[in-house]
Amino acid sequence: MIDSLPLPPAETGHGPGSPPDAPQASLPYDAPVFLVGMMGAGKTTIGRQLARLLGRDFVDLDHELEARCGVRVALIFDIEGEEGFRKRETAALDECSQRRGIVLATGGGAVLAPENRRYLKERGVVVYLRASADELYRRVARDRNRPLLQTADPEARLRSLLAEREPLYESVAHITFETGTMPVPQVLRALLPLLQRHEVNP
């Protein structure tokens, strides 16, 4: 799902099928970079810009699922329930996580399945984009494309999801990055050296 960090219209990155931009920075490995975190953490926005910076392809796992199914994630939830959606998500992650030289933004619940956590931790560099419950809710409060928040008390639901998922994000993360209220360019300037210093096991 499209995360809700502000970004100028001109900075939208390249779309599916178009070639990556010329790299302005590089990493000392071609292992994929996986972004995990809650809805609203900025995975799509930051991921797209990080991919541009590195001259890598950007993959959004939810968009990949939508392309395969021909419908929005919310409709997959409506038709198949969360269990059906998670099965499709695992199949897509298994395939996408084996691609080299990409930046991949996962859905907020991708860490729930043990096999997904194994794919992420073993196949690439996992960055947990962390933000407080208050900040996350501020970003997603008006977003109607969040099936798990279509409840009477979406803020309480978000806090409950964060409490459930945060230990899982931390268990797979090689790098944990606090996004706070930083603008995207500042996030990239701070995150890039962490990625460059990270040592990937052969």
N, C-alpha and C. Protein backbone atom coordinates (compact mmCIF):
# COMPACT_ATOMS: atom_id res chain seq x y z
N MET A 1 0.83 -1.19 0.00
CA MET A 1 0.00 0.00 0.00
C MET A 1 0.86 1.24 0.00
N ILE A 2 0.32 2.31 -0.53
CA ILE A 2 1.12 3.52 -0.66
C ILE A 2 1.22 4.18 0.69
N ASP A 3 2.42 4.28 1.20
CA ASP A 3 2.62 4.92 2.50
C ASP A 3 2.57 6.43 2.35
N SER A 4 2.33 7.08 3.49
CA SER A 4 1.85 8.45 3.41
C SER A 4 2.85 9.50 3.87
N LEU A 5 4.11 9.37 3.52
CA LEU A 5 5.04 10.45 3.79
C LEU A 5 4.91 11.48 2.68
N PRO A 6 5.00 12.77 3.01
CA PRO A 6 4.86 13.79 1.97
C PRO A 6 6.01 13.74 0.98
N LEU A 7 5.69 13.97 -0.29
CA LEU A 7 6.71 13.94 -1.33
C LEU A 7 6.27 14.88 -2.44
N PRO A 8 7.16 15.74 -2.94
CA PRO A 8 6.78 16.62 -4.04
C PRO A 8 6.35 15.81 -5.26
N PRO A 9 5.39 16.30 -6.06
CA PRO A 9 4.91 15.56 -7.22
C PRO A 9 6.00 15.16 -8.19
N ALA A 10 7.05 15.98 -8.33
CA ALA A 10 8.12 15.67 -9.30
C ALA A 10 8.98 14.50 -8.87
N GLU A 11 8.88 14.09 -7.61
CA GLU A 11 9.78 13.07 -7.08
C GLU A 11 9.08 11.72 -6.97
N THR A 12 8.44 11.26 -8.03
CA THR A 12 7.64 10.04 -7.92
C THR A 12 8.40 8.80 -8.30
N GLY A 13 9.62 8.88 -8.78
CA GLY A 13 10.37 7.68 -9.13
C GLY A 13 9.91 7.11 -10.44
N HIS A 14 10.47 5.96 -10.84
CA HIS A 14 10.10 5.38 -12.12
C HIS A 14 9.03 4.34 -11.89
N GLY A 15 8.19 4.16 -12.91
CA GLY A 15 7.09 3.22 -12.80
C GLY A 15 7.52 1.83 -13.20
N PRO A 16 6.56 0.87 -13.11
CA PRO A 16 6.87 -0.51 -13.47
C PRO A 16 7.29 -0.60 -14.94
N GLY A 17 8.34 -1.34 -15.21
CA GLY A 17 8.74 -1.56 -16.59
C GLY A 17 9.70 -0.54 -17.15
N SER A 18 9.82 0.62 -16.48
CA SER A 18 10.75 1.62 -16.99
C SER A 18 12.13 1.37 -16.38
N PRO A 19 13.19 1.77 -17.09
CA PRO A 19 14.53 1.47 -16.58
C PRO A 19 14.84 2.28 -15.33
N PRO A 20 15.72 1.75 -14.47
CA PRO A 20 16.11 2.51 -13.28
C PRO A 20 16.82 3.80 -13.68
N ASP A 21 16.78 4.77 -12.76
CA ASP A 21 17.52 6.01 -12.99
C ASP A 21 19.01 5.77 -12.81
N ALA A 22 19.81 6.68 -13.39
CA ALA A 22 21.26 6.57 -13.22
C ALA A 22 21.59 6.68 -11.73
N PRO A 23 22.40 5.77 -11.22
CA PRO A 23 22.67 5.80 -9.77
C PRO A 23 23.46 7.03 -9.36
N GLN A 24 23.09 7.56 -8.19
CA GLN A 24 23.86 8.67 -7.60
C GLN A 24 24.69 8.16 -6.42
N ALA A 25 24.41 6.91 -6.01
CA ALA A 25 25.14 6.27 -4.92
C ALA A 25 25.11 4.78 -5.18
N SER A 26 25.89 4.03 -4.43
CA SER A 26 25.90 2.59 -4.64
C SER A 26 26.11 1.87 -3.31
N LEU A 27 25.80 0.58 -3.32
CA LEU A 27 26.05 -0.27 -2.17
C LEU A 27 27.12 -1.28 -2.55
N PRO A 28 27.90 -1.78 -1.59
CA PRO A 28 28.97 -2.72 -1.90
C PRO A 28 28.46 -4.16 -2.06
N TYR A 29 27.19 -4.33 -2.39
CA TYR A 29 26.59 -5.65 -2.59
C TYR A 29 25.37 -5.49 -3.50
N ASP A 30 24.97 -6.60 -4.13
CA ASP A 30 23.78 -6.53 -4.97
C ASP A 30 22.59 -7.23 -4.31
N ALA A 31 22.74 -7.62 -3.05
CA ALA A 31 21.63 -8.22 -2.31
C ALA A 31 20.46 -7.23 -2.29
N PRO A 32 19.24 -7.75 -2.37
CA PRO A 32 18.09 -6.85 -2.30
C PRO A 32 17.98 -6.15 -0.95
N VAL A 33 17.40 -4.96 -0.96
CA VAL A 33 17.11 -4.23 0.27
C VAL A 33 15.61 -4.33 0.50
N PHE A 34 15.21 -4.85 1.66
CA PHE A 34 13.81 -5.03 2.00
C PHE A 34 13.41 -4.01 3.06
N LEU A 35 12.31 -3.31 2.84
CA LEU A 35 11.80 -2.36 3.82
C LEU A 35 10.59 -2.96 4.50
N VAL A 36 10.63 -3.03 5.84
CA VAL A 36 9.50 -3.53 6.62
C VAL A 36 9.06 -2.45 7.59
N GLY A 37 7.84 -2.57 8.06
CA GLY A 37 7.32 -1.60 9.01
C GLY A 37 5.81 -1.48 8.86
N MET A 38 5.22 -0.73 9.74
CA MET A 38 3.77 -0.58 9.78
C MET A 38 3.26 0.23 8.58
N MET A 39 1.96 0.12 8.34
CA MET A 39 1.31 1.00 7.37
C MET A 39 1.57 2.44 7.79
N GLY A 40 1.95 3.28 6.84
CA GLY A 40 2.25 4.66 7.16
C GLY A 40 3.69 4.92 7.54
N ALA A 41 4.52 3.86 7.59
CA ALA A 41 5.92 4.06 7.99
C ALA A 41 6.75 4.72 6.89
N GLY A 42 6.26 4.71 5.67
CA GLY A 42 6.99 5.34 4.57
C GLY A 42 7.70 4.36 3.67
N LYS A 43 7.33 3.09 3.71
CA LYS A 43 8.06 2.07 2.96
C LYS A 43 8.05 2.33 1.46
N THR A 44 6.87 2.67 0.94
CA THR A 44 6.78 2.90 -0.51
C THR A 44 7.46 4.20 -0.90
N THR A 45 7.19 5.26 -0.19
CA THR A 45 7.77 6.56 -0.53
C THR A 45 9.29 6.55 -0.41
N ILE A 46 9.78 6.06 0.73
CA ILE A 46 11.23 6.02 0.94
C ILE A 46 11.86 5.00 0.00
N GLY A 47 11.20 3.85 -0.17
CA GLY A 47 11.74 2.81 -1.04
C GLY A 47 11.91 3.27 -2.47
N ARG A 48 10.92 3.99 -2.99
CA ARG A 48 11.01 4.46 -4.36
C ARG A 48 12.18 5.44 -4.53
N GLN A 49 12.33 6.32 -3.56
CA GLN A 49 13.41 7.30 -3.65
C GLN A 49 14.78 6.66 -3.43
N LEU A 50 14.85 5.67 -2.55
CA LEU A 50 16.10 4.96 -2.33
C LEU A 50 16.51 4.21 -3.60
N ALA A 51 15.54 3.60 -4.27
CA ALA A 51 15.84 2.90 -5.52
C ALA A 51 16.36 3.87 -6.57
N ARG A 52 15.78 5.04 -6.66
CA ARG A 52 16.27 6.06 -7.61
C ARG A 52 17.71 6.43 -7.30
N LEU A 53 17.98 6.65 -6.03
CA LEU A 53 19.31 7.06 -5.59
C LEU A 53 20.36 6.01 -5.96
N LEU A 54 19.98 4.73 -5.82
CA LEU A 54 20.92 3.62 -6.05
C LEU A 54 20.89 3.10 -7.48
N GLY A 55 19.97 3.62 -8.30
CA GLY A 55 19.84 3.10 -9.66
C GLY A 55 19.32 1.67 -9.68
N ARG A 56 18.49 1.32 -8.70
CA ARG A 56 17.93 -0.02 -8.62
C ARG A 56 16.45 -0.01 -9.03
N ASP A 57 15.93 -1.18 -9.38
CA ASP A 57 14.49 -1.33 -9.58
C ASP A 57 13.79 -1.27 -8.24
N PHE A 58 12.60 -0.68 -8.23
CA PHE A 58 11.79 -0.62 -7.03
C PHE A 58 10.58 -1.54 -7.20
N VAL A 59 10.32 -2.35 -6.17
CA VAL A 59 9.19 -3.26 -6.18
C VAL A 59 8.36 -3.01 -4.93
N ASP A 60 7.08 -2.77 -5.10
CA ASP A 60 6.16 -2.67 -3.98
C ASP A 60 5.34 -3.95 -3.95
N LEU A 61 5.43 -4.71 -2.88
CA LEU A 61 4.83 -6.03 -2.84
C LEU A 61 3.31 -5.96 -3.01
N ASP A 62 2.67 -4.97 -2.41
CA ASP A 62 1.21 -4.84 -2.57
C ASP A 62 0.85 -4.52 -4.02
N HIS A 63 1.64 -3.66 -4.66
CA HIS A 63 1.37 -3.34 -6.07
C HIS A 63 1.60 -4.56 -6.94
N GLU A 64 2.60 -5.36 -6.59
CA GLU A 64 2.86 -6.61 -7.31
C GLU A 64 1.65 -7.54 -7.21
N LEU A 65 1.09 -7.65 -6.02
CA LEU A 65 -0.10 -8.47 -5.83
C LEU A 65 -1.29 -7.94 -6.62
N GLU A 66 -1.45 -6.63 -6.62
CA GLU A 66 -2.56 -6.03 -7.36
C GLU A 66 -2.41 -6.28 -8.86
N ALA A 67 -1.18 -6.21 -9.36
CA ALA A 67 -0.94 -6.47 -10.78
C ALA A 67 -1.26 -7.93 -11.12
N ARG A 68 -0.92 -8.84 -10.23
CA ARG A 68 -1.18 -10.26 -10.48
C ARG A 68 -2.67 -10.58 -10.42
N CYS A 69 -3.36 -9.96 -9.47
CA CYS A 69 -4.78 -10.29 -9.26
C CYS A 69 -5.73 -9.42 -10.08
N GLY A 70 -5.23 -8.26 -10.51
CA GLY A 70 -6.07 -7.36 -11.29
C GLY A 70 -7.06 -6.56 -10.45
N VAL A 71 -6.92 -6.60 -9.13
CA VAL A 71 -7.81 -5.83 -8.25
C VAL A 71 -6.99 -5.24 -7.11
N ARG A 72 -7.60 -4.28 -6.40
CA ARG A 72 -6.92 -3.63 -5.29
C ARG A 72 -6.79 -4.58 -4.11
N VAL A 73 -5.79 -4.32 -3.26
CA VAL A 73 -5.58 -5.12 -2.06
C VAL A 73 -6.85 -5.19 -1.22
N ALA A 74 -7.54 -4.05 -1.07
CA ALA A 74 -8.76 -4.03 -0.25
C ALA A 74 -9.79 -5.02 -0.77
N LEU A 75 -9.89 -5.18 -2.10
CA LEU A 75 -10.86 -6.11 -2.67
C LEU A 75 -10.43 -7.56 -2.46
N ILE A 76 -9.10 -7.82 -2.52
CA ILE A 76 -8.61 -9.17 -2.22
C ILE A 76 -9.00 -9.54 -0.80
N PHE A 77 -8.85 -8.60 0.14
CA PHE A 77 -9.27 -8.83 1.52
C PHE A 77 -10.76 -9.14 1.59
N ASP A 78 -11.57 -8.35 0.85
CA ASP A 78 -13.03 -8.53 0.88
C ASP A 78 -13.43 -9.91 0.36
N ILE A 79 -12.78 -10.35 -0.72
CA ILE A 79 -13.17 -11.59 -1.39
C ILE A 79 -12.60 -12.81 -0.68
N GLU A 80 -11.33 -12.76 -0.32
CA GLU A 80 -10.64 -13.95 0.19
C GLU A 80 -10.34 -13.89 1.68
N GLY A 81 -10.60 -12.76 2.31
CA GLY A 81 -10.26 -12.62 3.72
C GLY A 81 -8.76 -12.43 3.91
N GLU A 82 -8.36 -12.15 5.13
CA GLU A 82 -6.93 -11.92 5.38
C GLU A 82 -6.11 -13.18 5.12
N GLU A 83 -6.66 -14.36 5.45
CA GLU A 83 -5.92 -15.61 5.25
C GLU A 83 -5.59 -15.82 3.77
N GLY A 84 -6.58 -15.60 2.90
CA GLY A 84 -6.33 -15.75 1.46
C GLY A 84 -5.32 -14.74 0.95
N PHE A 85 -5.44 -13.51 1.45
CA PHE A 85 -4.48 -12.47 1.04
C PHE A 85 -3.07 -12.86 1.46
N ARG A 86 -2.90 -13.36 2.70
CA ARG A 86 -1.56 -13.68 3.20
C ARG A 86 -0.91 -14.80 2.38
N LYS A 87 -1.71 -15.76 1.91
CA LYS A 87 -1.15 -16.83 1.08
C LYS A 87 -0.61 -16.26 -0.23
N ARG A 88 -1.36 -15.37 -0.84
CA ARG A 88 -0.89 -14.73 -2.07
C ARG A 88 0.36 -13.88 -1.81
N GLU A 89 0.37 -13.22 -0.66
CA GLU A 89 1.50 -12.37 -0.29
C GLU A 89 2.77 -13.20 -0.15
N THR A 90 2.66 -14.37 0.50
CA THR A 90 3.83 -15.23 0.69
C THR A 90 4.38 -15.72 -0.65
N ALA A 91 3.49 -16.11 -1.55
CA ALA A 91 3.94 -16.58 -2.88
C ALA A 91 4.66 -15.46 -3.63
N ALA A 92 4.11 -14.25 -3.57
CA ALA A 92 4.74 -13.12 -4.27
C ALA A 92 6.08 -12.76 -3.63
N LEU A 93 6.14 -12.79 -2.31
CA LEU A 93 7.39 -12.46 -1.62
C LEU A 93 8.47 -13.49 -1.92
N ASP A 94 8.10 -14.76 -1.95
CA ASP A 94 9.06 -15.81 -2.26
C ASP A 94 9.73 -15.54 -3.60
N GLU A 95 8.93 -15.14 -4.58
CA GLU A 95 9.49 -14.87 -5.91
C GLU A 95 10.30 -13.57 -5.93
N CYS A 96 9.70 -12.50 -5.43
CA CYS A 96 10.35 -11.19 -5.53
C CYS A 96 11.63 -11.11 -4.70
N SER A 97 11.66 -11.80 -3.56
CA SER A 97 12.82 -11.69 -2.67
C SER A 97 14.06 -12.38 -3.24
N GLN A 98 13.89 -13.12 -4.32
CA GLN A 98 15.05 -13.78 -4.94
C GLN A 98 15.69 -12.92 -6.03
N ARG A 99 15.12 -11.75 -6.31
CA ARG A 99 15.70 -10.85 -7.31
C ARG A 99 16.87 -10.09 -6.70
N ARG A 100 17.94 -9.97 -7.43
CA ARG A 100 19.09 -9.21 -6.96
C ARG A 100 18.93 -7.74 -7.37
N GLY A 101 19.60 -6.89 -6.63
CA GLY A 101 19.69 -5.49 -7.02
C GLY A 101 18.38 -4.74 -7.05
N ILE A 102 17.47 -5.03 -6.13
CA ILE A 102 16.21 -4.30 -6.05
C ILE A 102 16.06 -3.68 -4.67
N VAL A 103 15.12 -2.75 -4.58
CA VAL A 103 14.61 -2.27 -3.30
C VAL A 103 13.15 -2.70 -3.24
N LEU A 104 12.77 -3.44 -2.20
CA LEU A 104 11.42 -3.99 -2.11
C LEU A 104 10.73 -3.49 -0.86
N ALA A 105 9.55 -2.90 -1.04
CA ALA A 105 8.72 -2.46 0.08
C ALA A 105 7.68 -3.53 0.35
N THR A 106 7.66 -4.08 1.55
CA THR A 106 6.69 -5.10 1.92
C THR A 106 5.42 -4.45 2.46
N GLY A 107 4.35 -5.24 2.54
CA GLY A 107 3.16 -4.79 3.25
C GLY A 107 3.39 -4.86 4.74
N GLY A 108 2.59 -4.13 5.49
CA GLY A 108 2.80 -4.05 6.94
C GLY A 108 2.71 -5.39 7.65
N GLY A 109 1.90 -6.31 7.10
CA GLY A 109 1.71 -7.60 7.75
C GLY A 109 2.55 -8.72 7.18
N ALA A 110 3.46 -8.41 6.28
CA ALA A 110 4.26 -9.46 5.64
C ALA A 110 5.10 -10.26 6.63
N VAL A 111 5.41 -9.66 7.77
CA VAL A 111 6.27 -10.35 8.76
C VAL A 111 5.50 -11.36 9.60
N LEU A 112 4.19 -11.46 9.43
CA LEU A 112 3.40 -12.34 10.29
C LEU A 112 3.71 -13.81 10.04
N ALA A 113 3.97 -14.18 8.78
CA ALA A 113 4.21 -15.58 8.45
C ALA A 113 5.68 -15.93 8.69
N PRO A 114 5.95 -17.04 9.39
CA PRO A 114 7.34 -17.42 9.65
C PRO A 114 8.17 -17.59 8.39
N GLU A 115 7.56 -18.15 7.32
CA GLU A 115 8.35 -18.33 6.09
C GLU A 115 8.71 -16.99 5.47
N ASN A 116 7.83 -16.01 5.59
CA ASN A 116 8.15 -14.68 5.08
C ASN A 116 9.33 -14.08 5.83
N ARG A 117 9.33 -14.24 7.14
CA ARG A 117 10.44 -13.71 7.94
C ARG A 117 11.75 -14.39 7.54
N ARG A 118 11.68 -15.66 7.25
CA ARG A 118 12.89 -16.38 6.82
C ARG A 118 13.37 -15.86 5.47
N TYR A 119 12.45 -15.68 4.50
CA TYR A 119 12.85 -15.15 3.19
C TYR A 119 13.55 -13.81 3.35
N LEU A 120 12.95 -12.93 4.15
CA LEU A 120 13.50 -11.58 4.30
C LEU A 120 14.88 -11.62 4.94
N LYS A 121 14.99 -12.33 6.05
CA LYS A 121 16.24 -12.30 6.82
C LYS A 121 17.38 -12.98 6.07
N GLU A 122 17.08 -14.05 5.30
CA GLU A 122 18.13 -14.81 4.65
C GLU A 122 18.50 -14.29 3.27
N ARG A 123 17.61 -13.55 2.62
CA ARG A 123 17.83 -13.23 1.21
C ARG A 123 18.24 -11.80 0.94
N GLY A 124 18.23 -10.95 1.93
CA GLY A 124 18.58 -9.55 1.67
C GLY A 124 18.88 -8.79 2.94
N VAL A 125 18.94 -7.48 2.82
CA VAL A 125 19.19 -6.58 3.94
C VAL A 125 17.86 -5.96 4.35
N VAL A 126 17.44 -6.22 5.57
CA VAL A 126 16.12 -5.78 6.03
C VAL A 126 16.25 -4.50 6.84
N VAL A 127 15.51 -3.48 6.43
CA VAL A 127 15.46 -2.20 7.14
C VAL A 127 14.07 -2.04 7.75
N TYR A 128 14.02 -1.93 9.06
CA TYR A 128 12.76 -1.66 9.75
C TYR A 128 12.60 -0.16 9.88
N LEU A 129 11.62 0.39 9.19
CA LEU A 129 11.30 1.81 9.29
C LEU A 129 10.31 1.97 10.45
N ARG A 130 10.81 2.52 11.54
CA ARG A 130 10.00 2.60 12.75
C ARG A 130 9.46 4.00 12.94
N ALA A 131 8.22 4.07 13.42
CA ALA A 131 7.61 5.35 13.77
C ALA A 131 6.66 5.10 14.93
N SER A 132 6.36 6.14 15.70
CA SER A 132 5.48 5.99 16.85
C SER A 132 4.04 5.77 16.38
N ALA A 133 3.22 5.22 17.28
CA ALA A 133 1.81 5.00 16.95
C ALA A 133 1.12 6.32 16.62
N ASP A 134 1.45 7.37 17.34
CA ASP A 134 0.84 8.68 17.08
C ASP A 134 1.19 9.16 15.67
N GLU A 135 2.46 9.03 15.29
CA GLU A 135 2.90 9.49 13.98
C GLU A 135 2.27 8.63 12.87
N LEU A 136 2.22 7.33 13.08
CA LEU A 136 1.62 6.44 12.08
C LEU A 136 0.15 6.78 11.88
N TYR A 137 -0.56 7.00 12.98
CA TYR A 137 -1.99 7.31 12.84
C TYR A 137 -2.19 8.64 12.15
N ARG A 138 -1.35 9.61 12.45
CA ARG A 138 -1.45 10.91 11.78
C ARG A 138 -1.35 10.75 10.27
N ARG A 139 -0.48 9.82 9.82
CA ARG A 139 -0.24 9.64 8.39
C ARG A 139 -1.36 8.88 7.69
N VAL A 140 -2.00 7.95 8.39
CA VAL A 140 -2.97 7.07 7.70
C VAL A 140 -4.43 7.35 8.08
N ALA A 141 -4.67 8.29 8.98
CA ALA A 141 -6.03 8.49 9.52
C ALA A 141 -7.07 8.71 8.43
N ARG A 142 -6.72 9.38 7.34
CA ARG A 142 -7.71 9.68 6.30
C ARG A 142 -7.62 8.74 5.10
N ASP A 143 -6.81 7.70 5.22
CA ASP A 143 -6.61 6.77 4.10
C ASP A 143 -7.67 5.67 4.17
N ARG A 144 -8.54 5.60 3.17
CA ARG A 144 -9.62 4.61 3.16
C ARG A 144 -9.18 3.29 2.54
N ASN A 145 -7.94 3.19 2.07
CA ASN A 145 -7.46 1.97 1.42
C ASN A 145 -6.68 1.08 2.39
N ARG A 146 -7.05 1.11 3.66
CA ARG A 146 -6.40 0.30 4.68
C ARG A 146 -7.44 -0.66 5.27
N PRO A 147 -7.58 -1.86 4.69
CA PRO A 147 -8.65 -2.76 5.13
C PRO A 147 -8.65 -3.05 6.63
N LEU A 148 -7.46 -3.15 7.23
CA LEU A 148 -7.39 -3.51 8.64
C LEU A 148 -7.81 -2.38 9.57
N LEU A 149 -7.95 -1.16 9.00
CA LEU A 149 -8.36 -0.03 9.84
C LEU A 149 -9.82 0.34 9.66
N GLN A 150 -10.57 -0.47 8.90
CA GLN A 150 -11.99 -0.18 8.70
C GLN A 150 -12.78 -0.71 9.90
N THR A 151 -12.55 -0.08 11.05
CA THR A 151 -13.19 -0.47 12.31
C THR A 151 -13.74 0.78 12.99
N ALA A 152 -14.49 0.54 14.07
CA ALA A 152 -15.08 1.67 14.80
C ALA A 152 -14.02 2.55 15.45
N ASP A 153 -12.90 1.96 15.83
CA ASP A 153 -11.82 2.71 16.50
C ASP A 153 -10.49 2.39 15.80
N PRO A 154 -10.24 3.03 14.64
CA PRO A 154 -9.03 2.69 13.89
C PRO A 154 -7.73 3.00 14.64
N GLU A 155 -7.74 4.03 15.49
CA GLU A 155 -6.51 4.35 16.22
C GLU A 155 -6.16 3.23 17.19
N ALA A 156 -7.15 2.72 17.92
CA ALA A 156 -6.90 1.61 18.83
C ALA A 156 -6.45 0.37 18.06
N ARG A 157 -7.04 0.16 16.89
CA ARG A 157 -6.65 -0.99 16.06
C ARG A 157 -5.19 -0.84 15.61
N LEU A 158 -4.80 0.37 15.23
CA LEU A 158 -3.42 0.60 14.80
C LEU A 158 -2.44 0.32 15.94
N ARG A 159 -2.77 0.79 17.13
CA ARG A 159 -1.90 0.57 18.28
C ARG A 159 -1.79 -0.93 18.59
N SER A 160 -2.89 -1.64 18.46
CA SER A 160 -2.88 -3.08 18.71
C SER A 160 -2.01 -3.81 17.68
N LEU A 161 -2.13 -3.42 16.41
CA LEU A 161 -1.31 -4.03 15.36
C LEU A 161 0.17 -3.75 15.59
N LEU A 162 0.48 -2.52 15.99
CA LEU A 162 1.88 -2.16 16.23
C LEU A 162 2.46 -3.00 17.38
N ALA A 163 1.68 -3.15 18.46
CA ALA A 163 2.14 -3.94 19.60
C ALA A 163 2.39 -5.40 19.19
N GLU A 164 1.54 -5.92 18.30
CA GLU A 164 1.69 -7.30 17.85
C GLU A 164 2.88 -7.47 16.92
N ARG A 165 3.08 -6.50 16.04
CA ARG A 165 4.05 -6.68 14.95
C ARG A 165 5.44 -6.17 15.26
N GLU A 166 5.58 -5.21 16.16
CA GLU A 166 6.90 -4.61 16.38
C GLU A 166 7.97 -5.65 16.73
N PRO A 167 7.68 -6.63 17.61
CA PRO A 167 8.71 -7.64 17.90
C PRO A 167 9.11 -8.43 16.65
N LEU A 168 8.18 -8.62 15.74
CA LEU A 168 8.48 -9.36 14.50
C LEU A 168 9.35 -8.52 13.57
N TYR A 169 9.03 -7.22 13.45
CA TYR A 169 9.89 -6.34 12.65
C TYR A 169 11.32 -6.35 13.20
N GLU A 170 11.42 -6.24 14.53
CA GLU A 170 12.74 -6.19 15.14
C GLU A 170 13.49 -7.50 14.97
N SER A 171 12.76 -8.62 14.92
CA SER A 171 13.41 -9.92 14.80
C SER A 171 14.04 -10.15 13.43
N VAL A 172 13.50 -9.48 12.39
CA VAL A 172 14.06 -9.68 11.04
C VAL A 172 15.01 -8.57 10.63
N ALA A 173 14.99 -7.43 11.34
CA ALA A 173 15.72 -6.25 10.89
C ALA A 173 17.23 -6.39 11.07
N HIS A 174 17.97 -6.07 10.01
CA HIS A 174 19.41 -5.88 10.13
C HIS A 174 19.71 -4.43 10.53
N ILE A 175 18.83 -3.52 10.11
CA ILE A 175 18.97 -2.10 10.42
C ILE A 175 17.59 -1.60 10.88
N THR A 176 17.55 -0.91 12.01
CA THR A 176 16.31 -0.27 12.46
C THR A 176 16.50 1.24 12.34
N PHE A 177 15.56 1.88 11.65
CA PHE A 177 15.70 3.32 11.37
C PHE A 177 14.44 4.05 11.82
N GLU A 178 14.61 5.00 12.71
CA GLU A 178 13.50 5.79 13.23
C GLU A 178 13.20 6.92 12.24
N THR A 179 12.02 6.88 11.62
CA THR A 179 11.72 7.90 10.60
C THR A 179 11.26 9.21 11.23
N GLY A 180 10.54 9.14 12.36
CA GLY A 180 10.09 10.36 13.01
C GLY A 180 9.32 11.24 12.04
N THR A 181 9.65 12.52 12.04
CA THR A 181 8.99 13.46 11.13
C THR A 181 9.97 13.98 10.08
N MET A 182 11.07 13.26 9.86
CA MET A 182 12.08 13.71 8.90
C MET A 182 11.53 13.71 7.48
N PRO A 183 11.86 14.73 6.68
CA PRO A 183 11.51 14.69 5.26
C PRO A 183 12.32 13.59 4.56
N VAL A 184 11.79 13.12 3.43
CA VAL A 184 12.39 11.97 2.74
C VAL A 184 13.87 12.19 2.39
N PRO A 185 14.28 13.35 1.83
CA PRO A 185 15.71 13.51 1.51
C PRO A 185 16.61 13.34 2.72
N GLN A 186 16.15 13.82 3.88
CA GLN A 186 16.94 13.69 5.11
C GLN A 186 17.00 12.22 5.55
N VAL A 187 15.89 11.50 5.39
CA VAL A 187 15.89 10.07 5.69
C VAL A 187 16.93 9.35 4.85
N LEU A 188 16.95 9.65 3.55
CA LEU A 188 17.89 8.98 2.65
C LEU A 188 19.34 9.29 3.01
N ARG A 189 19.62 10.54 3.35
CA ARG A 189 21.00 10.92 3.71
C ARG A 189 21.47 10.16 4.95
N ALA A 190 20.55 9.93 5.89
CA ALA A 190 20.92 9.23 7.12
C ALA A 190 20.95 7.72 6.93
N LEU A 191 20.05 7.19 6.09
CA LEU A 191 19.94 5.74 5.91
C LEU A 191 21.03 5.18 5.01
N LEU A 192 21.43 5.93 3.98
CA LEU A 192 22.39 5.42 3.01
C LEU A 192 23.70 4.94 3.65
N PRO A 193 24.34 5.72 4.54
CA PRO A 193 25.60 5.24 5.14
C PRO A 193 25.41 3.95 5.95
N LEU A 194 24.24 3.78 6.57
CA LEU A 194 23.98 2.55 7.33
C LEU A 194 23.94 1.35 6.39
N LEU A 195 23.32 1.54 5.24
CA LEU A 195 23.27 0.46 4.26
C LEU A 195 24.66 0.18 3.67
N GLN A 196 25.42 1.24 3.43
CA GLN A 196 26.74 1.06 2.84
C GLN A 196 27.69 0.35 3.80
N ARG A 197 27.53 0.57 5.10
CA ARG A 197 28.40 -0.06 6.09
C ARG A 197 27.97 -1.48 6.44
N HIS A 198 26.75 -1.84 6.08
CA HIS A 198 26.26 -3.16 6.45
C HIS A 198 27.02 -4.25 5.70
N GLU A 199 27.43 -5.27 6.41
CA GLU A 199 28.15 -6.37 5.79
C GLU A 199 27.18 -7.51 5.50
N VAL A 200 27.15 -7.90 4.22
CA VAL A 200 26.26 -8.97 3.79
C VAL A 200 27.01 -10.29 3.82
N ASN A 201 26.40 -11.29 4.44
CA ASN A 201 27.01 -12.61 4.44
C ASN A 201 26.96 -13.21 3.04
N PRO A 202 28.06 -13.83 2.59
CA PRO A 202 28.06 -14.39 1.23
C PRO A 202 27.03 -15.51 1.10
